[in-house]
Amino acid sequence: MKKKFTIAILTAIMVLSAISCTTANDGINQNQNIVANLSWASHYQDICELCTEADLIAVGEIDRVINETSDKVAEAEWGPVIIYTTDFAFWIEQILKGKEAKEIILHQTGAAGKEEISDDPLFKLGEKYILFLHEYEAGKYFVLGGPQGRFKIIDDKVFSMNRVLPDKVVLDPGLDVNRMDKESFINSVVANLKNNH
């Protein structure tokens, strides 16, 4: 597993440990969905930085859930600290950078009904995105910087996650995209890629 993914998971562990401690002490039902806050291991200021760092930039749709896992990552005085993850199949319509593929696996922290990251909510089936991705194993990817590398497509318009979740996501101005025509956004990414070479 690559360093950035490991750092992100370790950060999530620390945050979830604090949340688990709070829920245990406050007597909140341990079976309820936990919404956690997370500090991202990498910070991106603009599309150009995402283009440089991404192994794969893809346009596509969340097709299905492949797998949900839970790993006990530590033991605390209130009980085990568990990290949940979900693997999604991402059907690819267009590759802007990286190896050709029809479908890839997206790995995301969280699991439906158990745990979710507040500014990087779980993908939902049928959602369309332009994603800036890092390959941590062959054919397996995670989104760079969580909400930073995730751009949602609604009716052929592109929105950054701070526009989709304005009360939860804060992004640098260089990543702020609001109702941009899908083809215009794709053309700007392609132009950034050409300028980087």
N, C-alpha and C. Protein backbone atom coordinates (compact mmCIF):
# COMPACT_ATOMS: atom_id res chain seq x y z
N MET A 1 0.84 -1.17 0.00
CA MET A 1 0.00 0.00 0.00
C MET A 1 0.89 1.24 0.00
N LYS A 2 0.52 2.23 -0.74
CA LYS A 2 1.35 3.40 -0.90
C LYS A 2 1.28 4.32 0.32
N LYS A 3 2.28 5.17 0.47
CA LYS A 3 2.44 6.04 1.63
C LYS A 3 1.25 6.97 1.86
N LYS A 4 0.75 7.63 0.80
CA LYS A 4 -0.34 8.58 0.97
C LYS A 4 -1.59 7.90 1.50
N PHE A 5 -1.90 6.71 0.97
CA PHE A 5 -3.09 5.99 1.42
C PHE A 5 -2.92 5.59 2.88
N THR A 6 -1.73 5.14 3.25
CA THR A 6 -1.45 4.74 4.63
C THR A 6 -1.61 5.93 5.57
N ILE A 7 -1.08 7.09 5.19
CA ILE A 7 -1.20 8.28 6.03
C ILE A 7 -2.66 8.67 6.20
N ALA A 8 -3.44 8.60 5.12
CA ALA A 8 -4.86 8.94 5.20
C ALA A 8 -5.58 7.98 6.15
N ILE A 9 -5.27 6.69 6.08
CA ILE A 9 -5.90 5.71 6.96
C ILE A 9 -5.50 5.96 8.41
N LEU A 10 -4.22 6.23 8.66
CA LEU A 10 -3.78 6.50 10.03
C LEU A 10 -4.45 7.74 10.60
N THR A 11 -4.62 8.75 9.78
CA THR A 11 -5.31 9.96 10.23
C THR A 11 -6.76 9.62 10.56
N ALA A 12 -7.39 8.82 9.72
CA ALA A 12 -8.77 8.41 9.97
C ALA A 12 -8.87 7.63 11.27
N ILE A 13 -7.88 6.80 11.55
CA ILE A 13 -7.88 6.02 12.78
C ILE A 13 -7.89 6.94 13.99
N MET A 14 -7.03 7.97 13.96
CA MET A 14 -6.96 8.89 15.09
C MET A 14 -8.28 9.62 15.28
N VAL A 15 -8.89 10.07 14.18
CA VAL A 15 -10.16 10.78 14.28
C VAL A 15 -11.25 9.84 14.78
N LEU A 16 -11.29 8.64 14.22
CA LEU A 16 -12.33 7.68 14.64
C LEU A 16 -12.13 7.24 16.08
N SER A 17 -10.89 7.19 16.53
CA SER A 17 -10.64 6.86 17.93
C SER A 17 -11.27 7.90 18.83
N ALA A 18 -11.09 9.17 18.49
CA ALA A 18 -11.67 10.25 19.28
C ALA A 18 -13.20 10.17 19.25
N ILE A 19 -13.75 9.87 18.08
CA ILE A 19 -15.21 9.77 17.96
C ILE A 19 -15.72 8.58 18.75
N SER A 20 -15.03 7.43 18.66
CA SER A 20 -15.45 6.25 19.40
C SER A 20 -15.44 6.52 20.89
N CYS A 21 -14.43 7.25 21.34
CA CYS A 21 -14.33 7.60 22.76
C CYS A 21 -15.52 8.47 23.16
N THR A 22 -15.84 9.44 22.33
CA THR A 22 -16.95 10.34 22.61
C THR A 22 -18.27 9.59 22.65
N THR A 23 -18.50 8.71 21.67
CA THR A 23 -19.77 7.99 21.63
C THR A 23 -19.90 7.03 22.80
N ALA A 24 -18.78 6.41 23.19
CA ALA A 24 -18.83 5.48 24.32
C ALA A 24 -19.14 6.23 25.60
N ASN A 25 -18.52 7.38 25.79
CA ASN A 25 -18.71 8.13 27.02
C ASN A 25 -20.07 8.81 27.08
N ASP A 26 -20.64 9.17 25.96
CA ASP A 26 -21.92 9.85 25.93
C ASP A 26 -23.10 8.88 25.92
N GLY A 27 -22.82 7.59 25.82
CA GLY A 27 -23.87 6.59 25.83
C GLY A 27 -24.68 6.54 24.54
N ILE A 28 -24.12 7.02 23.44
CA ILE A 28 -24.81 6.97 22.16
C ILE A 28 -24.79 5.54 21.64
N ASN A 29 -25.83 5.13 20.98
CA ASN A 29 -25.93 3.78 20.42
C ASN A 29 -24.73 3.50 19.50
N GLN A 30 -23.97 2.48 19.82
CA GLN A 30 -22.78 2.14 19.06
C GLN A 30 -23.10 1.62 17.66
N ASN A 31 -24.34 1.26 17.40
CA ASN A 31 -24.70 0.72 16.09
C ASN A 31 -25.11 1.80 15.10
N GLN A 32 -25.19 3.06 15.56
CA GLN A 32 -25.62 4.10 14.63
C GLN A 32 -24.48 4.47 13.68
N ASN A 33 -24.85 5.05 12.55
CA ASN A 33 -23.87 5.48 11.56
C ASN A 33 -23.00 6.59 12.15
N ILE A 34 -21.69 6.41 12.12
CA ILE A 34 -20.76 7.41 12.62
C ILE A 34 -20.34 8.30 11.46
N VAL A 35 -20.43 9.61 11.67
CA VAL A 35 -19.94 10.56 10.67
C VAL A 35 -18.66 11.16 11.23
N ALA A 36 -17.55 10.91 10.53
CA ALA A 36 -16.24 11.33 11.02
C ALA A 36 -15.69 12.48 10.18
N ASN A 37 -14.85 13.27 10.83
CA ASN A 37 -14.10 14.30 10.13
C ASN A 37 -12.69 13.77 9.92
N LEU A 38 -12.06 14.19 8.82
CA LEU A 38 -10.77 13.63 8.46
C LEU A 38 -9.89 14.72 7.88
N SER A 39 -8.62 14.71 8.25
CA SER A 39 -7.65 15.61 7.62
C SER A 39 -6.98 14.83 6.51
N TRP A 40 -7.00 15.39 5.30
CA TRP A 40 -6.45 14.69 4.15
C TRP A 40 -4.94 14.78 4.13
N ALA A 41 -4.28 13.70 3.79
CA ALA A 41 -2.82 13.64 3.79
C ALA A 41 -2.21 14.57 2.77
N SER A 42 -2.91 14.80 1.67
CA SER A 42 -2.41 15.68 0.61
C SER A 42 -3.38 16.82 0.40
N HIS A 43 -2.81 17.98 0.09
CA HIS A 43 -3.61 19.18 -0.15
C HIS A 43 -3.32 19.68 -1.57
N TYR A 44 -4.38 19.90 -2.33
CA TYR A 44 -4.24 20.36 -3.71
C TYR A 44 -4.88 21.74 -3.84
N GLN A 45 -4.21 22.64 -4.54
CA GLN A 45 -4.70 24.01 -4.67
C GLN A 45 -5.47 24.24 -5.96
N ASP A 46 -5.20 23.42 -6.97
CA ASP A 46 -5.88 23.66 -8.25
C ASP A 46 -5.89 22.40 -9.11
N ILE A 47 -6.58 22.49 -10.24
CA ILE A 47 -6.71 21.36 -11.17
C ILE A 47 -5.34 20.94 -11.70
N CYS A 48 -4.46 21.90 -11.92
CA CYS A 48 -3.12 21.60 -12.44
C CYS A 48 -2.38 20.63 -11.50
N GLU A 49 -2.45 20.87 -10.19
CA GLU A 49 -1.80 19.97 -9.23
C GLU A 49 -2.42 18.58 -9.25
N LEU A 50 -3.75 18.53 -9.36
CA LEU A 50 -4.41 17.22 -9.44
C LEU A 50 -3.99 16.48 -10.71
N CYS A 51 -3.90 17.21 -11.82
CA CYS A 51 -3.48 16.59 -13.09
C CYS A 51 -2.08 16.00 -12.98
N THR A 52 -1.20 16.72 -12.31
CA THR A 52 0.19 16.26 -12.16
C THR A 52 0.26 15.00 -11.31
N GLU A 53 -0.49 14.97 -10.22
CA GLU A 53 -0.40 13.87 -9.25
C GLU A 53 -1.19 12.62 -9.65
N ALA A 54 -2.23 12.79 -10.45
CA ALA A 54 -3.12 11.66 -10.75
C ALA A 54 -2.45 10.61 -11.62
N ASP A 55 -2.66 9.35 -11.26
CA ASP A 55 -2.26 8.23 -12.12
C ASP A 55 -3.32 8.00 -13.19
N LEU A 56 -4.56 8.30 -12.84
CA LEU A 56 -5.68 8.10 -13.75
C LEU A 56 -6.67 9.24 -13.55
N ILE A 57 -7.13 9.81 -14.65
CA ILE A 57 -8.23 10.78 -14.61
C ILE A 57 -9.31 10.19 -15.50
N ALA A 58 -10.47 9.94 -14.90
CA ALA A 58 -11.52 9.21 -15.62
C ALA A 58 -12.88 9.85 -15.44
N VAL A 59 -13.68 9.74 -16.49
CA VAL A 59 -15.07 10.17 -16.49
C VAL A 59 -15.90 8.89 -16.46
N GLY A 60 -16.86 8.81 -15.56
CA GLY A 60 -17.65 7.58 -15.52
C GLY A 60 -18.76 7.60 -14.48
N GLU A 61 -19.22 6.40 -14.15
CA GLU A 61 -20.40 6.24 -13.30
C GLU A 61 -20.16 5.15 -12.26
N ILE A 62 -20.66 5.38 -11.05
CA ILE A 62 -20.60 4.37 -10.00
C ILE A 62 -21.60 3.27 -10.37
N ASP A 63 -21.07 2.07 -10.58
CA ASP A 63 -21.90 0.98 -11.11
C ASP A 63 -22.47 0.06 -10.04
N ARG A 64 -21.63 -0.32 -9.07
CA ARG A 64 -22.11 -1.26 -8.05
C ARG A 64 -21.11 -1.32 -6.90
N VAL A 65 -21.59 -1.84 -5.77
CA VAL A 65 -20.72 -2.12 -4.63
C VAL A 65 -20.12 -3.49 -4.83
N ILE A 66 -18.81 -3.58 -4.73
CA ILE A 66 -18.12 -4.86 -4.88
C ILE A 66 -17.94 -5.54 -3.53
N ASN A 67 -17.54 -4.74 -2.54
CA ASN A 67 -17.16 -5.33 -1.27
C ASN A 67 -17.18 -4.29 -0.17
N GLU A 68 -17.57 -4.70 1.02
CA GLU A 68 -17.42 -3.88 2.23
C GLU A 68 -16.56 -4.65 3.20
N THR A 69 -15.62 -3.97 3.83
CA THR A 69 -14.75 -4.64 4.79
C THR A 69 -14.68 -3.84 6.08
N SER A 70 -14.31 -4.52 7.13
CA SER A 70 -14.04 -3.87 8.41
C SER A 70 -12.76 -4.47 8.96
N ASP A 71 -11.88 -3.59 9.41
CA ASP A 71 -10.61 -4.03 9.98
C ASP A 71 -10.43 -3.44 11.36
N LYS A 72 -10.15 -4.30 12.31
CA LYS A 72 -9.80 -3.84 13.65
C LYS A 72 -8.38 -3.32 13.57
N VAL A 73 -8.19 -2.02 13.81
CA VAL A 73 -6.88 -1.41 13.64
C VAL A 73 -6.21 -1.07 14.96
N ALA A 74 -6.97 -1.12 16.04
CA ALA A 74 -6.39 -0.82 17.35
C ALA A 74 -7.37 -1.28 18.43
N GLU A 75 -6.86 -1.35 19.64
CA GLU A 75 -7.69 -1.67 20.79
C GLU A 75 -7.62 -0.48 21.73
N ALA A 76 -8.77 0.03 22.13
CA ALA A 76 -8.82 1.15 23.05
C ALA A 76 -9.54 0.72 24.33
N GLU A 77 -9.50 1.55 25.34
CA GLU A 77 -10.11 1.18 26.63
C GLU A 77 -11.61 0.96 26.51
N TRP A 78 -12.26 1.59 25.52
CA TRP A 78 -13.70 1.42 25.32
C TRP A 78 -14.03 0.30 24.35
N GLY A 79 -13.00 -0.31 23.73
CA GLY A 79 -13.23 -1.41 22.81
C GLY A 79 -12.40 -1.26 21.55
N PRO A 80 -12.67 -2.11 20.57
CA PRO A 80 -11.87 -2.08 19.34
C PRO A 80 -12.14 -0.84 18.49
N VAL A 81 -11.09 -0.36 17.81
CA VAL A 81 -11.23 0.72 16.84
C VAL A 81 -11.30 0.04 15.48
N ILE A 82 -12.40 0.24 14.78
CA ILE A 82 -12.64 -0.44 13.52
C ILE A 82 -12.74 0.59 12.39
N ILE A 83 -12.06 0.30 11.30
CA ILE A 83 -12.15 1.12 10.09
C ILE A 83 -12.94 0.33 9.05
N TYR A 84 -13.98 0.95 8.52
CA TYR A 84 -14.79 0.33 7.47
C TYR A 84 -14.37 0.91 6.13
N THR A 85 -14.37 0.08 5.11
CA THR A 85 -14.09 0.54 3.75
C THR A 85 -15.06 -0.13 2.78
N THR A 86 -15.27 0.54 1.66
CA THR A 86 -16.15 0.00 0.61
C THR A 86 -15.42 0.10 -0.72
N ASP A 87 -15.51 -0.96 -1.51
CA ASP A 87 -14.98 -0.97 -2.87
C ASP A 87 -16.17 -0.86 -3.83
N PHE A 88 -16.05 0.10 -4.75
CA PHE A 88 -17.09 0.32 -5.76
C PHE A 88 -16.54 0.01 -7.15
N ALA A 89 -17.39 -0.48 -8.03
CA ALA A 89 -17.04 -0.59 -9.44
C ALA A 89 -17.36 0.74 -10.09
N PHE A 90 -16.37 1.29 -10.80
CA PHE A 90 -16.55 2.57 -11.51
C PHE A 90 -16.47 2.27 -12.99
N TRP A 91 -17.61 2.40 -13.67
CA TRP A 91 -17.66 2.15 -15.11
C TRP A 91 -17.14 3.40 -15.82
N ILE A 92 -16.16 3.20 -16.72
CA ILE A 92 -15.47 4.32 -17.34
C ILE A 92 -16.02 4.64 -18.73
N GLU A 93 -16.39 5.90 -18.88
CA GLU A 93 -16.87 6.43 -20.16
C GLU A 93 -15.70 7.00 -20.97
N GLN A 94 -14.75 7.64 -20.28
CA GLN A 94 -13.64 8.30 -20.97
C GLN A 94 -12.44 8.40 -20.03
N ILE A 95 -11.25 8.11 -20.57
CA ILE A 95 -9.99 8.28 -19.83
C ILE A 95 -9.31 9.55 -20.34
N LEU A 96 -8.97 10.44 -19.42
CA LEU A 96 -8.26 11.66 -19.78
C LEU A 96 -6.75 11.52 -19.55
N LYS A 97 -6.38 10.66 -18.61
CA LYS A 97 -4.97 10.37 -18.33
C LYS A 97 -4.90 8.98 -17.73
N GLY A 98 -3.89 8.21 -18.15
CA GLY A 98 -3.67 6.89 -17.56
C GLY A 98 -3.99 5.76 -18.51
N LYS A 99 -3.92 4.52 -17.95
CA LYS A 99 -4.13 3.32 -18.74
C LYS A 99 -5.59 3.15 -19.12
N GLU A 100 -5.79 2.61 -20.28
CA GLU A 100 -7.16 2.32 -20.74
C GLU A 100 -7.78 1.25 -19.86
N ALA A 101 -9.05 1.43 -19.55
CA ALA A 101 -9.82 0.46 -18.77
C ALA A 101 -11.29 0.73 -19.00
N LYS A 102 -12.10 -0.31 -18.90
CA LYS A 102 -13.55 -0.15 -19.00
C LYS A 102 -14.17 -0.01 -17.62
N GLU A 103 -13.50 -0.57 -16.62
CA GLU A 103 -14.00 -0.53 -15.26
C GLU A 103 -12.82 -0.64 -14.31
N ILE A 104 -12.90 0.09 -13.20
CA ILE A 104 -11.87 0.01 -12.16
C ILE A 104 -12.55 -0.15 -10.80
N ILE A 105 -11.75 -0.44 -9.80
CA ILE A 105 -12.24 -0.52 -8.43
C ILE A 105 -11.85 0.75 -7.69
N LEU A 106 -12.85 1.41 -7.08
CA LEU A 106 -12.62 2.58 -6.24
C LEU A 106 -12.71 2.17 -4.79
N HIS A 107 -11.69 2.50 -4.03
CA HIS A 107 -11.62 2.16 -2.61
C HIS A 107 -11.91 3.42 -1.81
N GLN A 108 -12.88 3.33 -0.89
CA GLN A 108 -13.28 4.51 -0.12
C GLN A 108 -13.47 4.14 1.35
N THR A 109 -13.03 5.02 2.24
CA THR A 109 -13.24 4.82 3.67
C THR A 109 -14.71 5.02 3.98
N GLY A 110 -15.28 4.08 4.75
CA GLY A 110 -16.67 4.15 5.15
C GLY A 110 -17.47 2.98 4.63
N ALA A 111 -18.64 2.76 5.23
CA ALA A 111 -19.55 1.70 4.80
C ALA A 111 -20.97 2.14 5.14
N ALA A 112 -21.89 1.82 4.27
CA ALA A 112 -23.28 2.24 4.44
C ALA A 112 -23.84 1.79 5.78
N GLY A 113 -24.41 2.74 6.53
CA GLY A 113 -25.04 2.43 7.80
C GLY A 113 -24.08 2.23 8.95
N LYS A 114 -22.76 2.37 8.69
CA LYS A 114 -21.78 2.13 9.76
C LYS A 114 -20.90 3.34 10.00
N GLU A 115 -20.33 3.88 8.94
CA GLU A 115 -19.37 4.97 9.09
C GLU A 115 -19.26 5.72 7.78
N GLU A 116 -19.13 7.03 7.89
CA GLU A 116 -19.00 7.86 6.70
C GLU A 116 -18.14 9.07 7.04
N ILE A 117 -17.33 9.50 6.09
CA ILE A 117 -16.50 10.70 6.26
C ILE A 117 -17.36 11.90 5.86
N SER A 118 -17.43 12.92 6.72
CA SER A 118 -18.37 14.02 6.50
C SER A 118 -18.17 14.76 5.18
N ASP A 119 -16.90 15.01 4.79
CA ASP A 119 -16.69 15.77 3.55
C ASP A 119 -16.40 14.87 2.34
N ASP A 120 -16.48 13.56 2.55
CA ASP A 120 -16.28 12.60 1.46
C ASP A 120 -17.29 11.47 1.60
N PRO A 121 -18.59 11.80 1.47
CA PRO A 121 -19.62 10.77 1.68
C PRO A 121 -19.48 9.64 0.69
N LEU A 122 -20.01 8.50 1.08
CA LEU A 122 -19.93 7.32 0.23
C LEU A 122 -20.56 7.58 -1.14
N PHE A 123 -19.91 7.03 -2.15
CA PHE A 123 -20.49 7.09 -3.49
C PHE A 123 -21.84 6.38 -3.48
N LYS A 124 -22.70 6.82 -4.39
CA LYS A 124 -24.00 6.16 -4.56
C LYS A 124 -24.12 5.65 -5.99
N LEU A 125 -24.79 4.52 -6.13
CA LEU A 125 -24.95 3.91 -7.44
C LEU A 125 -25.62 4.88 -8.41
N GLY A 126 -25.09 4.94 -9.62
CA GLY A 126 -25.65 5.80 -10.65
C GLY A 126 -25.07 7.20 -10.68
N GLU A 127 -24.32 7.59 -9.65
CA GLU A 127 -23.70 8.92 -9.67
C GLU A 127 -22.61 8.96 -10.73
N LYS A 128 -22.49 10.12 -11.38
CA LYS A 128 -21.48 10.31 -12.43
C LYS A 128 -20.44 11.30 -11.95
N TYR A 129 -19.17 11.00 -12.28
CA TYR A 129 -18.07 11.82 -11.79
C TYR A 129 -16.96 11.95 -12.82
N ILE A 130 -16.15 12.98 -12.62
CA ILE A 130 -14.81 13.06 -13.19
C ILE A 130 -13.90 12.95 -11.98
N LEU A 131 -13.07 11.90 -11.95
CA LEU A 131 -12.25 11.59 -10.78
C LEU A 131 -10.77 11.66 -11.10
N PHE A 132 -10.01 12.21 -10.16
CA PHE A 132 -8.55 12.26 -10.21
C PHE A 132 -8.08 11.20 -9.21
N LEU A 133 -7.41 10.17 -9.72
CA LEU A 133 -7.20 8.95 -8.93
C LEU A 133 -5.74 8.57 -8.78
N HIS A 134 -5.48 7.87 -7.66
CA HIS A 134 -4.16 7.29 -7.41
C HIS A 134 -4.32 5.77 -7.39
N GLU A 135 -3.47 5.07 -8.12
CA GLU A 135 -3.50 3.60 -8.14
C GLU A 135 -2.60 3.09 -7.03
N TYR A 136 -3.19 2.43 -6.03
CA TYR A 136 -2.40 1.90 -4.92
C TYR A 136 -2.12 0.41 -5.05
N GLU A 137 -2.88 -0.28 -5.88
CA GLU A 137 -2.64 -1.66 -6.29
C GLU A 137 -3.12 -1.76 -7.72
N ALA A 138 -2.68 -2.78 -8.43
CA ALA A 138 -3.08 -2.91 -9.84
C ALA A 138 -4.60 -2.93 -9.96
N GLY A 139 -5.14 -1.96 -10.70
CA GLY A 139 -6.57 -1.88 -10.95
C GLY A 139 -7.40 -1.33 -9.81
N LYS A 140 -6.74 -0.93 -8.69
CA LYS A 140 -7.45 -0.40 -7.52
C LYS A 140 -6.99 1.02 -7.25
N TYR A 141 -7.96 1.89 -7.05
CA TYR A 141 -7.68 3.32 -6.95
C TYR A 141 -8.41 3.95 -5.78
N PHE A 142 -7.86 5.09 -5.32
CA PHE A 142 -8.61 5.97 -4.43
C PHE A 142 -8.53 7.39 -4.98
N VAL A 143 -9.50 8.22 -4.61
CA VAL A 143 -9.58 9.59 -5.11
C VAL A 143 -8.53 10.44 -4.39
N LEU A 144 -7.78 11.23 -5.15
CA LEU A 144 -6.77 12.11 -4.56
C LEU A 144 -7.42 13.15 -3.67
N GLY A 145 -7.01 13.16 -2.39
CA GLY A 145 -7.51 14.18 -1.47
C GLY A 145 -8.98 14.12 -1.19
N GLY A 146 -9.59 12.94 -1.32
CA GLY A 146 -11.02 12.81 -1.03
C GLY A 146 -11.86 13.75 -1.88
N PRO A 147 -12.51 14.75 -1.25
CA PRO A 147 -13.37 15.65 -2.02
C PRO A 147 -12.61 16.54 -3.00
N GLN A 148 -11.29 16.67 -2.83
CA GLN A 148 -10.51 17.53 -3.72
C GLN A 148 -10.45 16.99 -5.15
N GLY A 149 -10.39 15.68 -5.29
CA GLY A 149 -10.26 15.07 -6.61
C GLY A 149 -11.55 14.48 -7.15
N ARG A 150 -12.67 14.92 -6.63
CA ARG A 150 -13.98 14.36 -6.95
C ARG A 150 -14.89 15.46 -7.50
N PHE A 151 -15.28 15.34 -8.77
CA PHE A 151 -16.12 16.34 -9.41
C PHE A 151 -17.38 15.65 -9.94
N LYS A 152 -18.52 16.06 -9.42
CA LYS A 152 -19.78 15.40 -9.73
C LYS A 152 -20.40 15.99 -11.00
N ILE A 153 -20.95 15.09 -11.82
CA ILE A 153 -21.63 15.49 -13.05
C ILE A 153 -23.15 15.35 -12.83
N ILE A 154 -23.86 16.47 -13.00
CA ILE A 154 -25.32 16.47 -12.90
C ILE A 154 -25.86 17.16 -14.15
N ASP A 155 -26.63 16.44 -14.95
CA ASP A 155 -27.20 16.99 -16.19
C ASP A 155 -26.13 17.65 -17.07
N ASP A 156 -25.01 16.94 -17.25
CA ASP A 156 -23.89 17.40 -18.09
C ASP A 156 -23.24 18.69 -17.60
N LYS A 157 -23.43 19.01 -16.33
CA LYS A 157 -22.74 20.13 -15.68
C LYS A 157 -21.85 19.55 -14.58
N VAL A 158 -20.68 20.18 -14.37
CA VAL A 158 -19.71 19.68 -13.40
C VAL A 158 -19.70 20.59 -12.17
N PHE A 159 -19.68 19.94 -11.00
CA PHE A 159 -19.68 20.64 -9.72
C PHE A 159 -18.56 20.08 -8.84
N SER A 160 -17.78 20.94 -8.21
CA SER A 160 -16.83 20.48 -7.19
C SER A 160 -17.64 20.14 -5.93
N MET A 161 -17.04 19.37 -5.04
CA MET A 161 -17.78 18.88 -3.88
C MET A 161 -18.17 19.99 -2.90
N ASN A 162 -17.48 21.12 -2.91
CA ASN A 162 -17.90 22.24 -2.06
C ASN A 162 -19.21 22.85 -2.56
N ARG A 163 -19.55 22.61 -3.83
CA ARG A 163 -20.84 23.06 -4.37
C ARG A 163 -21.94 22.03 -4.09
N VAL A 164 -21.54 20.75 -4.05
CA VAL A 164 -22.50 19.68 -3.77
C VAL A 164 -22.83 19.65 -2.28
N LEU A 165 -21.81 19.85 -1.44
CA LEU A 165 -21.98 19.82 0.02
C LEU A 165 -21.40 21.10 0.63
N PRO A 166 -22.03 22.25 0.40
CA PRO A 166 -21.43 23.52 0.83
C PRO A 166 -21.25 23.65 2.34
N ASP A 167 -22.03 22.95 3.13
CA ASP A 167 -21.89 23.04 4.58
C ASP A 167 -20.84 22.09 5.15
N LYS A 168 -20.26 21.22 4.30
CA LYS A 168 -19.30 20.23 4.79
C LYS A 168 -17.94 20.28 4.12
N VAL A 169 -17.87 20.79 2.90
CA VAL A 169 -16.62 20.74 2.14
C VAL A 169 -16.08 22.14 1.89
N VAL A 170 -14.80 22.32 2.22
CA VAL A 170 -14.10 23.57 1.93
C VAL A 170 -12.93 23.24 1.01
N LEU A 171 -12.87 23.91 -0.14
CA LEU A 171 -11.80 23.68 -1.10
C LEU A 171 -11.12 25.00 -1.44
N ASP A 172 -9.88 24.91 -1.91
CA ASP A 172 -9.19 26.09 -2.40
C ASP A 172 -9.93 26.64 -3.62
N PRO A 173 -9.87 27.97 -3.85
CA PRO A 173 -10.56 28.57 -5.01
C PRO A 173 -10.18 27.93 -6.35
N GLY A 174 -8.95 27.40 -6.47
CA GLY A 174 -8.51 26.79 -7.72
C GLY A 174 -9.22 25.48 -8.04
N LEU A 175 -9.97 24.95 -7.06
CA LEU A 175 -10.72 23.70 -7.27
C LEU A 175 -12.23 23.94 -7.32
N ASP A 176 -12.65 25.18 -7.17
CA ASP A 176 -14.07 25.52 -7.13
C ASP A 176 -14.66 25.49 -8.54
N VAL A 177 -15.59 24.57 -8.76
CA VAL A 177 -16.24 24.44 -10.07
C VAL A 177 -17.74 24.43 -9.83
N ASN A 178 -18.45 25.33 -10.51
CA ASN A 178 -19.89 25.45 -10.30
C ASN A 178 -20.64 25.48 -11.63
N ARG A 179 -21.32 24.40 -11.93
CA ARG A 179 -22.17 24.28 -13.13
C ARG A 179 -21.40 24.47 -14.43
N MET A 180 -20.15 24.02 -14.46
CA MET A 180 -19.35 24.14 -15.68
C MET A 180 -19.79 23.06 -16.65
N ASP A 181 -19.93 23.43 -17.90
CA ASP A 181 -20.27 22.46 -18.94
C ASP A 181 -19.26 21.31 -18.91
N LYS A 182 -19.76 20.09 -18.96
CA LYS A 182 -18.90 18.90 -18.86
C LYS A 182 -17.77 18.93 -19.88
N GLU A 183 -18.09 19.22 -21.13
CA GLU A 183 -17.06 19.22 -22.17
C GLU A 183 -16.03 20.33 -21.95
N SER A 184 -16.47 21.47 -21.45
CA SER A 184 -15.54 22.56 -21.14
C SER A 184 -14.58 22.15 -20.02
N PHE A 185 -15.12 21.47 -19.00
CA PHE A 185 -14.27 21.01 -17.90
C PHE A 185 -13.25 19.99 -18.41
N ILE A 186 -13.71 19.05 -19.20
CA ILE A 186 -12.82 18.03 -19.77
C ILE A 186 -11.74 18.71 -20.61
N ASN A 187 -12.13 19.68 -21.43
CA ASN A 187 -11.15 20.40 -22.26
C ASN A 187 -10.12 21.14 -21.41
N SER A 188 -10.54 21.69 -20.27
CA SER A 188 -9.59 22.38 -19.39
C SER A 188 -8.62 21.40 -18.75
N VAL A 189 -9.08 20.20 -18.42
CA VAL A 189 -8.20 19.16 -17.88
C VAL A 189 -7.18 18.74 -18.94
N VAL A 190 -7.67 18.49 -20.15
CA VAL A 190 -6.77 18.09 -21.25
C VAL A 190 -5.72 19.17 -21.51
N ALA A 191 -6.13 20.44 -21.48
CA ALA A 191 -5.18 21.55 -21.69
C ALA A 191 -4.13 21.57 -20.58
N ASN A 192 -4.56 21.33 -19.33
CA ASN A 192 -3.61 21.26 -18.21
C ASN A 192 -2.62 20.12 -18.41
N LEU A 193 -3.10 18.99 -18.87
CA LEU A 193 -2.22 17.84 -19.10
C LEU A 193 -1.19 18.15 -20.18
N LYS A 194 -1.62 18.82 -21.24
CA LYS A 194 -0.68 19.18 -22.33
C LYS A 194 0.38 20.17 -21.84
N ASN A 195 -0.05 21.12 -21.01
CA ASN A 195 0.88 22.12 -20.48
C ASN A 195 1.90 21.52 -19.52
N ASN A 196 1.54 20.41 -18.88
CA ASN A 196 2.44 19.75 -17.92
C ASN A 196 3.50 18.90 -18.59
N HIS A 197 3.35 18.64 -19.90
CA HIS A 197 4.32 17.77 -20.58
C HIS A 197 5.29 18.55 -21.41
